[in-house]
Amino acid sequence: MTDTFAGMDRRVFLLGAAATGVVGCTAPERDLLENHPGSDLTTVPPATASTQPGSSSTPPEDSSDAAPADPTDPGIDPDTGLPVSVPAEDLPGLSFVARAVVPTVVVDEVLGRGDARWTFDNPIESGGQLVFLIEEFDRLDNFRVLLPTRPNGSFGWIRAGDVKIDRHNFAIRVELDAYRLTVLHKTEPVFETVCGVARENAPTPLGRYYLTEILRPPRPDTVYGAFAYGLSGYSETFTAFNGGPGQLGIHGTDDPATLGTNVSSGCIRLHNDDITHLVEGLKVPTGAPVEVI
């Protein structure tokens, strides 16, 4: 089977990941598209997180070009080094997410250079809101973010006025050799389950990613199961996959017997009950970091 997000109308994207471009399960996705040619995936609204003013967010300068934040700066919290105030109990596992509020977000490779290396459309192809995981603040003016593009692990700087900022304390860890997915909240495990992972000839790239979107297939008895999270990462085996870019994902399955095995072309598979728990029970939001190890 193939499960990588492919490149058709992104509303049918996850449904036909194999047929589209998502890496993970091949034949079934193609069958899905053939069986449901007019079906759209429904974009699921992200869980609500603590919102910070969008105009006041800034990532620290690029480590190679920017000076570290000055703890004596009146705009910086001297205890945390952050440009916003965060209660001490909310610091463990803290992540900041930038959610686009403009039609196009321009991304500079180097802070202050205005090189505009990338542009990202909002909404994204699935109809969901464009989101980025913030890694650094330049006061509350610019943010250094992890980008949903190749090569995996790309970073760039975005402007505070193009986004609104919220925060949460969720993270996901995927241990490929152990076939295990763990959800953490404030650095503590709150859910752990077995998962299906990629085949050896099409491995999931190790690294740090984040959740870009939440999609609901028209039926749960498909290769993507009840829900699918898109990831910011891409297959390093398939630069294109059945018409799509080979985007990675975490999704349900119509074949739970494959869990605990090397079965996909890059995506992570969960039991439908488990992916539903992540989306509807724990409400793991878009922008949550994902470590694949």
C-alpha atoms as a PDB file:
ATOM      1  CA  MET A   1       0.000   0.000   0.000  1.00  0.00           C
ATOM      2  CA  THR A   2       1.111   3.569  -0.332  1.00  0.00           C
ATOM      3  CA  ASP A   3       0.542   6.347   2.037  1.00  0.00           C
ATOM      4  CA  THR A   4       2.158   9.561   1.093  1.00  0.00           C
ATOM      5  CA  PHE A   5       0.138  12.622   0.449  1.00  0.00           C
ATOM      6  CA  ALA A   6       0.018  13.059  -3.278  1.00  0.00           C
ATOM      7  CA  GLY A   7      -0.770  15.949  -5.466  1.00  0.00           C
ATOM      8  CA  MET A   8      -4.287  16.047  -6.724  1.00  0.00           C
ATOM      9  CA  ASP A   9      -6.894  18.447  -5.511  1.00  0.00           C
ATOM     10  CA  ARG A  10      -5.711  18.563  -1.929  1.00  0.00           C
ATOM     11  CA  ARG A  11      -9.285  18.026  -0.778  1.00  0.00           C
ATOM     12  CA  VAL A  12      -9.030  14.505  -2.137  1.00  0.00           C
ATOM     13  CA  PHE A  13      -5.365  14.474  -1.329  1.00  0.00           C
ATOM     14  CA  LEU A  14      -5.246  12.316   1.731  1.00  0.00           C
ATOM     15  CA  LEU A  15      -7.846  10.001   0.404  1.00  0.00           C
ATOM     16  CA  GLY A  16      -5.739   9.125  -2.525  1.00  0.00           C
ATOM     17  CA  ALA A  17      -2.388   9.746  -1.052  1.00  0.00           C
ATOM     18  CA  ALA A  18      -0.859   6.946  -2.963  1.00  0.00           C
ATOM     19  CA  ALA A  19      -2.589   8.049  -6.040  1.00  0.00           C
ATOM     20  CA  THR A  20      -1.774  11.581  -5.267  1.00  0.00           C
ATOM     21  CA  GLY A  21       1.546  12.027  -3.705  1.00  0.00           C
ATOM     22  CA  VAL A  22       1.517  11.215  -0.059  1.00  0.00           C
ATOM     23  CA  VAL A  23       3.880   8.425   0.714  1.00  0.00           C
ATOM     24  CA  GLY A  24       2.630   5.465   2.515  1.00  0.00           C
ATOM     25  CA  CYS A  25       0.362   2.860   1.163  1.00  0.00           C
ATOM     26  CA  THR A  26       0.101   2.445  -2.708  1.00  0.00           C
ATOM     27  CA  ALA A  27      -2.619   0.364  -4.207  1.00  0.00           C
ATOM     28  CA  PRO A  28      -5.393   1.081  -1.748  1.00  0.00           C
ATOM     29  CA  GLU A  29      -5.136   4.805  -2.229  1.00  0.00           C
ATOM     30  CA  ARG A  30      -5.480   4.423  -5.937  1.00  0.00           C
ATOM     31  CA  ASP A  31      -8.557   2.259  -5.377  1.00  0.00           C
ATOM     32  CA  LEU A  32      -9.969   4.888  -3.050  1.00  0.00           C
ATOM     33  CA  LEU A  33      -9.794   7.548  -5.689  1.00  0.00           C
ATOM     34  CA  GLU A  34     -11.324   5.304  -8.295  1.00  0.00           C
ATOM     35  CA  ASN A  35     -14.140   4.281  -5.966  1.00  0.00           C
ATOM     36  CA  HIS A  36     -14.885   7.803  -4.762  1.00  0.00           C
ATOM     37  CA  PRO A  37     -14.015  10.076  -7.679  1.00  0.00           C
ATOM     38  CA  GLY A  38     -16.135  12.964  -6.455  1.00  0.00           C
ATOM     39  CA  SER A  39     -15.460  12.714  -2.748  1.00  0.00           C
ATOM     40  CA  ASP A  40     -13.793  15.542  -0.898  1.00  0.00           C
ATOM     41  CA  LEU A  41     -11.833  15.149   2.281  1.00  0.00           C
ATOM     42  CA  THR A  42     -13.225  17.327   4.999  1.00  0.00           C
ATOM     43  CA  THR A  43     -10.761  19.633   6.700  1.00  0.00           C
ATOM     44  CA  VAL A  44     -11.100  19.370  10.465  1.00  0.00           C
ATOM     45  CA  PRO A  45     -10.738  22.683  12.346  1.00  0.00           C
ATOM     46  CA  PRO A  46      -7.635  22.666  14.562  1.00  0.00           C
ATOM     47  CA  ALA A  47      -8.052  22.424  18.309  1.00  0.00           C
ATOM     48  CA  THR A  48      -8.115  25.729  20.102  1.00  0.00           C
ATOM     49  CA  ALA A  49      -4.860  26.705  21.783  1.00  0.00           C
ATOM     50  CA  SER A  50      -3.842  29.609  23.973  1.00  0.00           C
ATOM     51  CA  THR A  51      -3.754  32.618  21.667  1.00  0.00           C
ATOM     52  CA  GLN A  52      -1.112  35.319  21.745  1.00  0.00           C
ATOM     53  CA  PRO A  53      -1.405  38.614  19.844  1.00  0.00           C
ATOM     54  CA  GLY A  54      -0.288  37.990  16.280  1.00  0.00           C
ATOM     55  CA  SER A  55       1.280  41.359  15.875  1.00  0.00           C
ATOM     56  CA  SER A  56       3.546  40.801  18.821  1.00  0.00           C
ATOM     57  CA  SER A  57       5.659  37.833  17.985  1.00  0.00           C
ATOM     58  CA  THR A  58       9.282  37.685  17.037  1.00  0.00           C
ATOM     59  CA  PRO A  59      11.787  34.861  16.595  1.00  0.00           C
ATOM     60  CA  PRO A  60      15.378  35.276  17.745  1.00  0.00           C
ATOM     61  CA  GLU A  61      17.727  35.909  14.923  1.00  0.00           C
ATOM     62  CA  ASP A  62      19.104  33.076  12.850  1.00  0.00           C
ATOM     63  CA  SER A  63      21.867  31.505  14.907  1.00  0.00           C
ATOM     64  CA  SER A  64      24.335  32.212  12.126  1.00  0.00           C
ATOM     65  CA  ASP A  65      23.319  35.822  11.461  1.00  0.00           C
ATOM     66  CA  ALA A  66      21.466  37.146  14.484  1.00  0.00           C
ATOM     67  CA  ALA A  67      22.508  38.165  17.930  1.00  0.00           C
ATOM     68  CA  PRO A  68      20.984  36.270  20.850  1.00  0.00           C
ATOM     69  CA  ALA A  69      18.038  37.861  22.617  1.00  0.00           C
ATOM     70  CA  ASP A  70      19.126  40.424  25.190  1.00  0.00           C
ATOM     71  CA  PRO A  71      17.678  39.418  28.589  1.00  0.00           C
ATOM     72  CA  THR A  72      17.825  43.087  29.655  1.00  0.00           C
ATOM     73  CA  ASP A  73      15.581  44.118  26.758  1.00  0.00           C
ATOM     74  CA  PRO A  74      12.286  45.361  28.250  1.00  0.00           C
ATOM     75  CA  GLY A  75      10.445  43.388  25.555  1.00  0.00           C
ATOM     76  CA  ILE A  76      11.967  40.084  26.733  1.00  0.00           C
ATOM     77  CA  ASP A  77      10.930  38.125  29.816  1.00  0.00           C
ATOM     78  CA  PRO A  78      14.213  37.824  31.777  1.00  0.00           C
ATOM     79  CA  ASP A  79      13.214  34.450  33.238  1.00  0.00           C
ATOM     80  CA  THR A  80      12.291  32.686  30.002  1.00  0.00           C
ATOM     81  CA  GLY A  81      13.996  34.725  27.262  1.00  0.00           C
ATOM     82  CA  LEU A  82      10.632  34.881  25.481  1.00  0.00           C
ATOM     83  CA  PRO A  83       8.980  38.030  24.114  1.00  0.00           C
ATOM     84  CA  VAL A  84       5.667  37.007  25.703  1.00  0.00           C
ATOM     85  CA  SER A  85       4.729  36.189  29.265  1.00  0.00           C
ATOM     86  CA  VAL A  86       4.067  32.497  29.959  1.00  0.00           C
ATOM     87  CA  PRO A  87       3.055  31.059  33.355  1.00  0.00           C
ATOM     88  CA  ALA A  88       5.724  28.804  34.830  1.00  0.00           C
ATOM     89  CA  GLU A  89       3.373  25.813  34.817  1.00  0.00           C
ATOM     90  CA  ASP A  90       2.956  26.151  31.041  1.00  0.00           C
ATOM     91  CA  LEU A  91       6.671  26.174  30.168  1.00  0.00           C
ATOM     92  CA  PRO A  92       7.308  22.372  29.990  1.00  0.00           C
ATOM     93  CA  GLY A  93       6.932  21.200  26.402  1.00  0.00           C
ATOM     94  CA  LEU A  94       5.884  24.670  25.253  1.00  0.00           C
ATOM     95  CA  SER A  95       5.481  25.250  21.508  1.00  0.00           C
ATOM     96  CA  PHE A  96       4.438  28.380  19.639  1.00  0.00           C
ATOM     97  CA  VAL A  97       2.487  28.101  16.389  1.00  0.00           C
ATOM     98  CA  ALA A  98       2.110  30.788  13.720  1.00  0.00           C
ATOM     99  CA  ARG A  99      -1.212  30.681  11.847  1.00  0.00           C
ATOM    100  CA  ALA A 100      -1.399  32.676   8.626  1.00  0.00           C
ATOM    101  CA  VAL A 101      -3.881  35.548   8.370  1.00  0.00           C
ATOM    102  CA  VAL A 102      -2.861  36.750   4.890  1.00  0.00           C
ATOM    103  CA  PRO A 103      -3.329  35.040   1.478  1.00  0.00           C
ATOM    104  CA  THR A 104       0.414  34.599   0.909  1.00  0.00           C
ATOM    105  CA  VAL A 105       3.194  34.335   3.477  1.00  0.00           C
ATOM    106  CA  VAL A 106       6.622  35.412   2.271  1.00  0.00           C
ATOM    107  CA  VAL A 107       9.569  33.665   3.921  1.00  0.00           C
ATOM    108  CA  ASP A 108      13.102  35.050   4.041  1.00  0.00           C
ATOM    109  CA  GLU A 109      16.056  32.716   4.354  1.00  0.00           C
ATOM    110  CA  VAL A 110      18.069  35.201   6.429  1.00  0.00           C
ATOM    111  CA  LEU A 111      16.606  37.680   8.905  1.00  0.00           C
ATOM    112  CA  GLY A 112      16.711  41.258   7.663  1.00  0.00           C
ATOM    113  CA  ARG A 113      17.997  40.481   4.202  1.00  0.00           C
ATOM    114  CA  GLY A 114      14.632  40.548   2.433  1.00  0.00           C
ATOM    115  CA  ASP A 115      15.630  37.691   0.144  1.00  0.00           C
ATOM    116  CA  ALA A 116      12.081  36.213  -0.044  1.00  0.00           C
ATOM    117  CA  ARG A 117      13.216  32.703  -0.847  1.00  0.00           C
ATOM    118  CA  TRP A 118       9.828  31.011  -0.371  1.00  0.00           C
ATOM    119  CA  THR A 119       6.152  31.899  -0.583  1.00  0.00           C
ATOM    120  CA  PHE A 120       3.312  29.809   0.871  1.00  0.00           C
ATOM    121  CA  ASP A 121      -0.371  30.120   0.002  1.00  0.00           C
ATOM    122  CA  ASN A 122      -3.092  30.423   2.631  1.00  0.00           C
ATOM    123  CA  PRO A 123      -5.335  28.480   2.782  1.00  0.00           C
ATOM    124  CA  ILE A 124      -3.387  25.378   1.798  1.00  0.00           C
ATOM    125  CA  GLU A 125      -4.635  22.938  -0.851  1.00  0.00           C
ATOM    126  CA  SER A 126      -6.909  21.073   1.561  1.00  0.00           C
ATOM    127  CA  GLY A 127      -8.651  24.308   2.491  1.00  0.00           C
ATOM    128  CA  GLY A 128      -7.023  24.390   5.923  1.00  0.00           C
ATOM    129  CA  GLN A 129      -5.133  27.292   7.435  1.00  0.00           C
ATOM    130  CA  LEU A 130      -1.401  27.573   6.707  1.00  0.00           C
ATOM    131  CA  VAL A 131       0.561  26.986   9.920  1.00  0.00           C
ATOM    132  CA  PHE A 132       4.222  27.057  10.928  1.00  0.00           C
ATOM    133  CA  LEU A 133       6.060  25.820  14.016  1.00  0.00           C
ATOM    134  CA  ILE A 134       8.028  28.693  15.557  1.00  0.00           C
ATOM    135  CA  GLU A 135      11.599  27.878  16.560  1.00  0.00           C
ATOM    136  CA  GLU A 136      12.937  31.368  17.380  1.00  0.00           C
ATOM    137  CA  PHE A 137      11.680  34.866  18.102  1.00  0.00           C
ATOM    138  CA  ASP A 138      13.197  38.131  16.892  1.00  0.00           C
ATOM    139  CA  ARG A 139      11.376  40.038  19.601  1.00  0.00           C
ATOM    140  CA  LEU A 140       7.775  40.322  18.365  1.00  0.00           C
ATOM    141  CA  ASP A 141       8.635  41.391  14.832  1.00  0.00           C
ATOM    142  CA  ASN A 142       9.718  38.214  13.031  1.00  0.00           C
ATOM    143  CA  PHE A 143       9.746  34.487  13.683  1.00  0.00           C
ATOM    144  CA  ARG A 144      12.108  31.767  12.578  1.00  0.00           C
ATOM    145  CA  VAL A 145       9.899  28.817  11.610  1.00  0.00           C
ATOM    146  CA  LEU A 146      10.182  25.233  10.453  1.00  0.00           C
ATOM    147  CA  LEU A 147       8.906  25.093   6.878  1.00  0.00           C
ATOM    148  CA  PRO A 148       6.555  22.555   5.221  1.00  0.00           C
ATOM    149  CA  THR A 149       8.778  22.087   2.188  1.00  0.00           C
ATOM    150  CA  ARG A 150      11.754  20.215   0.819  1.00  0.00           C
ATOM    151  CA  PRO A 151      14.443  19.733   1.874  1.00  0.00           C
ATOM    152  CA  ASN A 152      13.190  18.446   5.206  1.00  0.00           C
ATOM    153  CA  GLY A 153      14.379  20.594   8.082  1.00  0.00           C
ATOM    154  CA  SER A 154      14.294  23.879   6.145  1.00  0.00           C
ATOM    155  CA  PHE A 155      13.882  27.069   8.188  1.00  0.00           C
ATOM    156  CA  GLY A 156      13.030  30.648   7.317  1.00  0.00           C
ATOM    157  CA  TRP A 157      11.873  33.960   8.775  1.00  0.00           C
ATOM    158  CA  ILE A 158       8.297  35.219   8.589  1.00  0.00           C
ATOM    159  CA  ARG A 159       6.811  38.569   9.593  1.00  0.00           C
ATOM    160  CA  ALA A 160       4.623  38.891  12.675  1.00  0.00           C
ATOM    161  CA  GLY A 161       1.980  40.857  10.797  1.00  0.00           C
ATOM    162  CA  ASP A 162       1.296  37.891   8.496  1.00  0.00           C
ATOM    163  CA  VAL A 163       0.285  35.515  11.280  1.00  0.00           C
ATOM    164  CA  LYS A 164      -1.418  35.137  14.633  1.00  0.00           C
ATOM    165  CA  ILE A 165       0.367  33.221  17.355  1.00  0.00           C
ATOM    166  CA  ASP A 166      -0.915  30.600  19.747  1.00  0.00           C
ATOM    167  CA  ARG A 167       0.785  28.147  22.054  1.00  0.00           C
ATOM    168  CA  HIS A 168       0.267  24.608  23.311  1.00  0.00           C
ATOM    169  CA  ASN A 169       2.178  21.876  25.126  1.00  0.00           C
ATOM    170  CA  PHE A 170       1.664  18.844  22.873  1.00  0.00           C
ATOM    171  CA  ALA A 171       4.313  16.832  21.053  1.00  0.00           C
ATOM    172  CA  ILE A 172       4.403  13.486  19.258  1.00  0.00           C
ATOM    173  CA  ARG A 173       7.294  11.019  19.249  1.00  0.00           C
ATOM    174  CA  VAL A 174       7.462   8.197  16.698  1.00  0.00           C
ATOM    175  CA  GLU A 175       9.975   5.397  17.351  1.00  0.00           C
ATOM    176  CA  LEU A 176      10.263   3.514  14.083  1.00  0.00           C
ATOM    177  CA  ASP A 177      12.195   0.473  15.323  1.00  0.00           C
ATOM    178  CA  ALA A 178       9.782   0.022  18.232  1.00  0.00           C
ATOM    179  CA  TYR A 179       6.645   0.602  16.094  1.00  0.00           C
ATOM    180  CA  ARG A 180       5.528   3.026  18.773  1.00  0.00           C
ATOM    181  CA  LEU A 181       3.839   6.428  18.742  1.00  0.00           C
ATOM    182  CA  THR A 182       3.701   8.468  21.937  1.00  0.00           C
ATOM    183  CA  VAL A 183       1.786  11.681  22.590  1.00  0.00           C
ATOM    184  CA  LEU A 184       3.320  13.963  25.202  1.00  0.00           C
ATOM    185  CA  HIS A 185       1.759  16.877  27.039  1.00  0.00           C
ATOM    186  CA  LYS A 186       4.052  19.144  29.037  1.00  0.00           C
ATOM    187  CA  THR A 187       6.815  16.573  28.306  1.00  0.00           C
ATOM    188  CA  GLU A 188       4.869  13.762  30.033  1.00  0.00           C
ATOM    189  CA  PRO A 189       3.533  10.761  28.049  1.00  0.00           C
ATOM    190  CA  VAL A 190      -0.264  10.820  27.974  1.00  0.00           C
ATOM    191  CA  PHE A 191      -0.904   8.220  25.258  1.00  0.00           C
ATOM    192  CA  GLU A 192       1.126   5.437  23.682  1.00  0.00           C
ATOM    193  CA  THR A 193       0.188   2.975  20.961  1.00  0.00           C
ATOM    194  CA  VAL A 194       1.536   0.636  18.304  1.00  0.00           C
ATOM    195  CA  CYS A 195       1.884   1.983  14.774  1.00  0.00           C
ATOM    196  CA  GLY A 196       2.650   0.760  11.288  1.00  0.00           C
ATOM    197  CA  VAL A 197       5.761   2.275   9.708  1.00  0.00           C
ATOM    198  CA  ALA A 198       7.481   2.465   6.345  1.00  0.00           C
ATOM    199  CA  ARG A 199       9.072  -0.330   4.401  1.00  0.00           C
ATOM    200  CA  GLU A 200      12.865  -0.530   4.341  1.00  0.00           C
ATOM    201  CA  ASN A 201      13.009   0.486   0.677  1.00  0.00           C
ATOM    202  CA  ALA A 202      10.984   3.661   1.313  1.00  0.00           C
ATOM    203  CA  PRO A 203      11.829   4.711   4.886  1.00  0.00           C
ATOM    204  CA  THR A 204      10.304   7.591   6.793  1.00  0.00           C
ATOM    205  CA  PRO A 205      13.081  10.204   7.096  1.00  0.00           C
ATOM    206  CA  LEU A 206      14.208  10.759  10.664  1.00  0.00           C
ATOM    207  CA  GLY A 207      13.870  14.288  11.965  1.00  0.00           C
ATOM    208  CA  ARG A 208      11.695  17.011  13.435  1.00  0.00           C
ATOM    209  CA  TYR A 209       8.408  17.888  11.751  1.00  0.00           C
ATOM    210  CA  TYR A 210       5.040  19.323  12.731  1.00  0.00           C
ATOM    211  CA  LEU A 211       1.370  18.669  12.005  1.00  0.00           C
ATOM    212  CA  THR A 212       0.187  20.814   9.088  1.00  0.00           C
ATOM    213  CA  GLU A 213      -3.480  19.830   8.751  1.00  0.00           C
ATOM    214  CA  ILE A 214      -6.185  17.461   9.972  1.00  0.00           C
ATOM    215  CA  LEU A 215      -8.309  15.705   7.348  1.00  0.00           C
ATOM    216  CA  ARG A 216     -11.343  13.443   7.548  1.00  0.00           C
ATOM    217  CA  PRO A 217     -11.788  10.920   4.713  1.00  0.00           C
ATOM    218  CA  PRO A 218     -15.405  10.569   3.519  1.00  0.00           C
ATOM    219  CA  ARG A 219     -15.464   7.040   4.995  1.00  0.00           C
ATOM    220  CA  PRO A 220     -13.373   5.416   7.735  1.00  0.00           C
ATOM    221  CA  ASP A 221     -12.977   2.134   5.829  1.00  0.00           C
ATOM    222  CA  THR A 222     -10.301   3.536   3.513  1.00  0.00           C
ATOM    223  CA  VAL A 223      -6.536   3.329   3.522  1.00  0.00           C
ATOM    224  CA  TYR A 224      -6.460   6.565   5.544  1.00  0.00           C
ATOM    225  CA  GLY A 225      -8.960   5.393   8.111  1.00  0.00           C
ATOM    226  CA  ALA A 226     -10.944   7.785  10.271  1.00  0.00           C
ATOM    227  CA  PHE A 227      -8.580  10.798  10.227  1.00  0.00           C
ATOM    228  CA  ALA A 228      -5.270  11.891   8.773  1.00  0.00           C
ATOM    229  CA  TYR A 229      -2.735  14.456   9.944  1.00  0.00           C
ATOM    230  CA  GLY A 230      -0.479  15.942   7.286  1.00  0.00           C
ATOM    231  CA  LEU A 231       3.178  16.392   8.246  1.00  0.00           C
ATOM    232  CA  SER A 232       5.599  19.123   7.216  1.00  0.00           C
ATOM    233  CA  GLY A 233       8.045  16.472   5.979  1.00  0.00           C
ATOM    234  CA  TYR A 234       8.427  14.668   2.669  1.00  0.00           C
ATOM    235  CA  SER A 235       9.668  11.321   1.455  1.00  0.00           C
ATOM    236  CA  GLU A 236      13.331  11.217   0.518  1.00  0.00           C
ATOM    237  CA  THR A 237      12.663   8.170  -1.653  1.00  0.00           C
ATOM    238  CA  PHE A 238       9.883   9.655  -3.791  1.00  0.00           C
ATOM    239  CA  THR A 239      10.376  13.210  -5.018  1.00  0.00           C
ATOM    240  CA  ALA A 240       7.037  12.789  -6.768  1.00  0.00           C
ATOM    241  CA  PHE A 241       4.427  10.182  -6.024  1.00  0.00           C
ATOM    242  CA  ASN A 242       1.464   9.481  -8.300  1.00  0.00           C
ATOM    243  CA  GLY A 243       1.133  13.135  -9.222  1.00  0.00           C
ATOM    244  CA  GLY A 244       1.883  14.556  -5.788  1.00  0.00           C
ATOM    245  CA  PRO A 245       4.954  15.691  -3.845  1.00  0.00           C
ATOM    246  CA  GLY A 246       5.288  12.676  -1.526  1.00  0.00           C
ATOM    247  CA  GLN A 247       4.147  14.388   1.677  1.00  0.00           C
ATOM    248  CA  LEU A 248       4.278  12.345   4.881  1.00  0.00           C
ATOM    249  CA  GLY A 249       1.378  11.858   7.258  1.00  0.00           C
ATOM    250  CA  ILE A 250      -0.024  10.125  10.333  1.00  0.00           C
ATOM    251  CA  HIS A 251      -3.363   8.456   9.650  1.00  0.00           C
ATOM    252  CA  GLY A 252      -5.746   5.629  10.412  1.00  0.00           C
ATOM    253  CA  THR A 253      -6.048   2.415   8.427  1.00  0.00           C
ATOM    254  CA  ASP A 254      -8.568  -0.010   6.997  1.00  0.00           C
ATOM    255  CA  ASP A 255      -6.212  -2.903   7.799  1.00  0.00           C
ATOM    256  CA  PRO A 256      -5.282  -2.960  11.512  1.00  0.00           C
ATOM    257  CA  ALA A 257      -3.404  -6.235  11.016  1.00  0.00           C
ATOM    258  CA  THR A 258      -0.589  -4.188   9.428  1.00  0.00           C
ATOM    259  CA  LEU A 259       0.106  -2.280  12.657  1.00  0.00           C
ATOM    260  CA  GLY A 260       3.445  -3.183  14.175  1.00  0.00           C
ATOM    261  CA  THR A 261       4.916  -3.936  10.749  1.00  0.00           C
ATOM    262  CA  ASN A 262       6.884  -2.201   7.987  1.00  0.00           C
ATOM    263  CA  VAL A 263       4.061  -1.622   5.553  1.00  0.00           C
ATOM    264  CA  SER A 264       3.893   1.927   4.210  1.00  0.00           C
ATOM    265  CA  SER A 265       5.786   4.094   1.746  1.00  0.00           C
ATOM    266  CA  GLY A 266       6.587   6.645   4.420  1.00  0.00           C
ATOM    267  CA  CYS A 267       3.474   7.464   6.454  1.00  0.00           C
ATOM    268  CA  ILE A 268       2.732   6.382  10.021  1.00  0.00           C
ATOM    269  CA  ARG A 269      -0.403   4.264  10.477  1.00  0.00           C
ATOM    270  CA  LEU A 270      -2.566   4.021  13.582  1.00  0.00           C
ATOM    271  CA  HIS A 271      -5.645   2.047  14.550  1.00  0.00           C
ATOM    272  CA  ASN A 272      -8.758   4.075  13.739  1.00  0.00           C
ATOM    273  CA  ASP A 273      -9.639   4.232  17.440  1.00  0.00           C
ATOM    274  CA  ASP A 274      -6.197   5.674  18.181  1.00  0.00           C
ATOM    275  CA  ILE A 275      -6.139   8.359  15.473  1.00  0.00           C
ATOM    276  CA  THR A 276      -9.672   9.325  16.534  1.00  0.00           C
ATOM    277  CA  HIS A 277      -8.452   9.659  20.118  1.00  0.00           C
ATOM    278  CA  LEU A 278      -5.645  11.989  18.993  1.00  0.00           C
ATOM    279  CA  VAL A 279      -8.055  14.199  17.049  1.00  0.00           C
ATOM    280  CA  GLU A 280     -11.236  14.125  19.139  1.00  0.00           C
ATOM    281  CA  GLY A 281     -10.071  12.976  22.568  1.00  0.00           C
ATOM    282  CA  LEU A 282      -6.679  14.586  23.159  1.00  0.00           C
ATOM    283  CA  LYS A 283      -7.324  17.266  20.512  1.00  0.00           C
ATOM    284  CA  VAL A 284      -3.695  17.330  19.377  1.00  0.00           C
ATOM    285  CA  PRO A 285      -3.546  20.566  17.338  1.00  0.00           C
ATOM    286  CA  THR A 286      -1.945  21.461  14.049  1.00  0.00           C
ATOM    287  CA  GLY A 287       1.484  22.912  14.687  1.00  0.00           C
ATOM    288  CA  ALA A 288       2.340  20.202  17.230  1.00  0.00           C
ATOM    289  CA  PRO A 289       5.973  19.069  16.801  1.00  0.00           C
ATOM    290  CA  VAL A 290       6.627  15.490  15.693  1.00  0.00           C
ATOM    291  CA  GLU A 291       9.967  13.764  16.305  1.00  0.00           C
ATOM    292  CA  VAL A 292      10.653  10.693  14.168  1.00  0.00           C
ATOM    293  CA  ILE A 293      13.508   8.659  15.635  1.00  0.00           C
END
